[in-house]
Amino acid sequence: MNNNISDKDKKDWQNFISNTEKLPNKDLKFEKKISIKVKSIDLHGYSLDKANEVIKDFIIKSYGERINKLIVVTGKGLHSQNEKDPYVSQDLSILKYSVPEFISQSKNLMKIIHEIKDAKIEDGGSGAFYIYLKKNKSL
């Protein structure tokens, strides 16, 4: 390998470092812009049947609107009337566990859902969950 640098290379280097013109960052050109559309629904006060009906319609409508992330607030069941039903554990809230189960049992809904996860504390913590929808390729 030759350690000698030619005069032309030295001159080119000097021109390069003394030039005040900004070089474009080619990496930024190819950076993908990801926009996340979020929608939320609060199911407090709904009966189980009504909550299941509403959440089904909400998921399908949101998918049609190309929403990426849904925040579903069910509550923690602290104010539910479970104690009046001897067949339901008082430790379980009706919607908190039943709505995600209803969704996961629906083959049609699961075709458009990528993932269901527990919500972060700022979005409701244990009284809420996220639904991440698949990309809607229609239109």
Protein backbone atom coordinates (compact mmCIF):
# COMPACT_ATOMS: atom_id res chain seq x y z
CA MET A 1 0.00 0.00 0.00
CA ASN A 2 1.23 3.44 -0.88
CA ASN A 3 1.36 5.89 2.06
CA ASN A 4 2.06 8.88 -0.16
CA ILE A 5 -0.88 11.17 -0.80
CA SER A 6 -0.94 12.89 -4.17
CA ASP A 7 -1.04 16.66 -4.49
CA LYS A 8 -4.42 16.41 -6.19
CA ASP A 9 -5.87 14.45 -3.25
CA LYS A 10 -4.46 16.99 -0.78
CA LYS A 11 -5.98 19.84 -2.79
CA ASP A 12 -9.37 18.08 -3.01
CA TRP A 13 -9.33 17.46 0.73
CA GLN A 14 -8.51 21.10 1.49
CA ASN A 15 -11.33 22.24 -0.78
CA PHE A 16 -13.73 19.84 0.93
CA ILE A 17 -12.99 20.91 4.53
CA SER A 18 -12.91 24.63 3.70
CA ASN A 19 -16.24 24.49 1.86
CA THR A 20 -19.10 25.95 3.93
CA GLU A 21 -21.80 24.34 1.79
CA LYS A 22 -23.86 21.79 3.69
CA LEU A 23 -23.98 18.32 2.26
CA PRO A 24 -27.41 16.73 2.12
CA ASN A 25 -27.97 13.85 4.50
CA LYS A 26 -28.98 11.00 2.21
CA ASP A 27 -30.13 8.89 5.14
CA LEU A 28 -32.91 11.35 5.96
CA LYS A 29 -34.28 11.03 2.46
CA PHE A 30 -35.04 7.36 3.00
CA GLU A 31 -36.32 7.66 6.54
CA LYS A 32 -39.81 6.26 6.71
CA LYS A 33 -42.42 8.52 8.19
CA ILE A 34 -44.57 6.45 10.52
CA SER A 35 -47.79 8.07 11.60
CA ILE A 36 -49.73 6.34 14.31
CA LYS A 37 -53.41 7.06 14.46
CA VAL A 38 -54.88 6.38 17.89
CA LYS A 39 -58.52 6.14 18.89
CA SER A 40 -60.00 5.29 22.28
CA ILE A 41 -63.26 4.05 23.71
CA ASP A 42 -64.51 3.93 27.29
CA LEU A 43 -66.76 1.00 28.17
CA HIS A 44 -67.59 2.08 31.73
CA GLY A 45 -71.23 1.41 32.53
CA TYR A 46 -71.89 -0.99 29.65
CA SER A 47 -73.39 -4.41 30.16
CA LEU A 48 -71.26 -7.28 28.91
CA ASP A 49 -73.45 -7.91 25.85
CA LYS A 50 -73.61 -4.22 24.95
CA ALA A 51 -69.85 -3.78 25.50
CA ASN A 52 -69.11 -6.72 23.18
CA GLU A 53 -71.42 -5.32 20.51
CA VAL A 54 -69.93 -1.81 20.80
CA ILE A 55 -66.31 -3.01 20.77
CA LYS A 56 -66.89 -5.18 17.71
CA ASP A 57 -68.36 -2.24 15.77
CA PHE A 58 -65.60 0.06 17.07
CA ILE A 59 -62.80 -2.25 15.91
CA ILE A 60 -64.31 -2.77 12.45
CA LYS A 61 -64.98 0.95 11.97
CA SER A 62 -61.48 1.89 13.18
CA TYR A 63 -59.92 -0.62 10.80
CA GLY A 64 -61.86 0.98 7.95
CA GLU A 65 -60.54 4.39 9.05
CA ARG A 66 -56.96 3.03 9.00
CA ILE A 67 -56.46 3.54 12.75
CA ASN A 68 -53.31 1.78 14.05
CA LYS A 69 -53.85 1.68 17.79
CA LEU A 70 -56.98 1.47 19.91
CA ILE A 71 -57.15 2.20 23.62
CA VAL A 72 -60.02 0.30 25.24
CA VAL A 73 -60.90 1.42 28.77
CA THR A 74 -62.89 -1.22 30.65
CA GLY A 75 -62.29 -0.07 34.19
CA LYS A 76 -60.97 -2.21 36.99
CA GLY A 77 -64.35 -3.47 38.14
CA LEU A 78 -64.23 -1.61 41.44
CA HIS A 79 -67.78 -0.32 41.03
CA SER A 80 -69.33 -3.30 39.25
CA GLN A 81 -72.30 -5.13 40.69
CA ASN A 82 -70.54 -8.53 40.76
CA GLU A 83 -71.36 -9.06 44.42
CA LYS A 84 -75.03 -9.44 43.49
CA ASP A 85 -74.31 -12.47 41.27
CA PRO A 86 -73.30 -15.54 43.32
CA TYR A 87 -71.83 -17.22 40.21
CA VAL A 88 -69.34 -14.45 39.45
CA SER A 89 -66.21 -13.98 41.51
CA GLN A 90 -66.15 -10.69 43.35
CA ASP A 91 -62.45 -10.43 42.52
CA LEU A 92 -63.10 -10.28 38.77
CA SER A 93 -64.51 -7.35 36.89
CA ILE A 94 -66.93 -8.31 34.17
CA LEU A 95 -65.54 -6.23 31.28
CA LYS A 96 -61.86 -6.27 32.19
CA TYR A 97 -61.47 -9.95 31.35
CA SER A 98 -64.54 -10.72 29.25
CA VAL A 99 -64.10 -8.10 26.50
CA PRO A 100 -60.53 -9.18 25.55
CA GLU A 101 -61.70 -12.79 25.64
CA PHE A 102 -64.65 -11.97 23.37
CA ILE A 103 -62.29 -10.27 20.91
CA SER A 104 -59.75 -13.12 20.90
CA GLN A 105 -62.54 -15.68 20.33
CA SER A 106 -63.81 -13.81 17.25
CA LYS A 107 -62.02 -15.11 14.15
CA ASN A 108 -63.27 -12.18 12.06
CA LEU A 109 -61.89 -9.61 14.50
CA MET A 110 -58.59 -11.44 14.94
CA LYS A 111 -58.04 -11.31 11.16
CA ILE A 112 -57.62 -7.53 11.42
CA ILE A 113 -55.89 -7.40 14.82
CA HIS A 114 -52.13 -7.61 15.07
CA GLU A 115 -51.82 -7.66 18.86
CA ILE A 116 -53.66 -7.06 22.14
CA LYS A 117 -51.56 -5.72 25.05
CA ASP A 118 -52.04 -4.33 28.53
CA ALA A 119 -52.17 -0.54 28.65
CA LYS A 120 -49.53 1.68 30.19
CA ILE A 121 -50.42 3.46 33.41
CA GLU A 122 -51.00 6.80 31.62
CA ASP A 123 -53.66 5.17 29.41
CA GLY A 124 -55.55 3.43 32.20
CA GLY A 125 -53.13 0.77 33.45
CA SER A 126 -54.88 -2.39 34.57
CA GLY A 127 -58.26 -0.87 33.69
CA ALA A 128 -57.47 -0.67 29.98
CA PHE A 129 -55.77 -2.47 27.12
CA TYR A 130 -54.42 -1.73 23.65
CA ILE A 131 -55.48 -3.24 20.36
CA TYR A 132 -53.00 -2.87 17.52
CA LEU A 133 -54.72 -3.25 14.17
CA LYS A 134 -53.16 -4.68 11.06
CA LYS A 135 -52.52 -2.39 8.13
CA ASN A 136 -55.64 -1.94 6.03
CA LYS A 137 -54.51 -2.55 2.45
CA SER A 138 -57.89 -1.90 0.83
CA LEU A 139 -58.71 1.31 -1.07
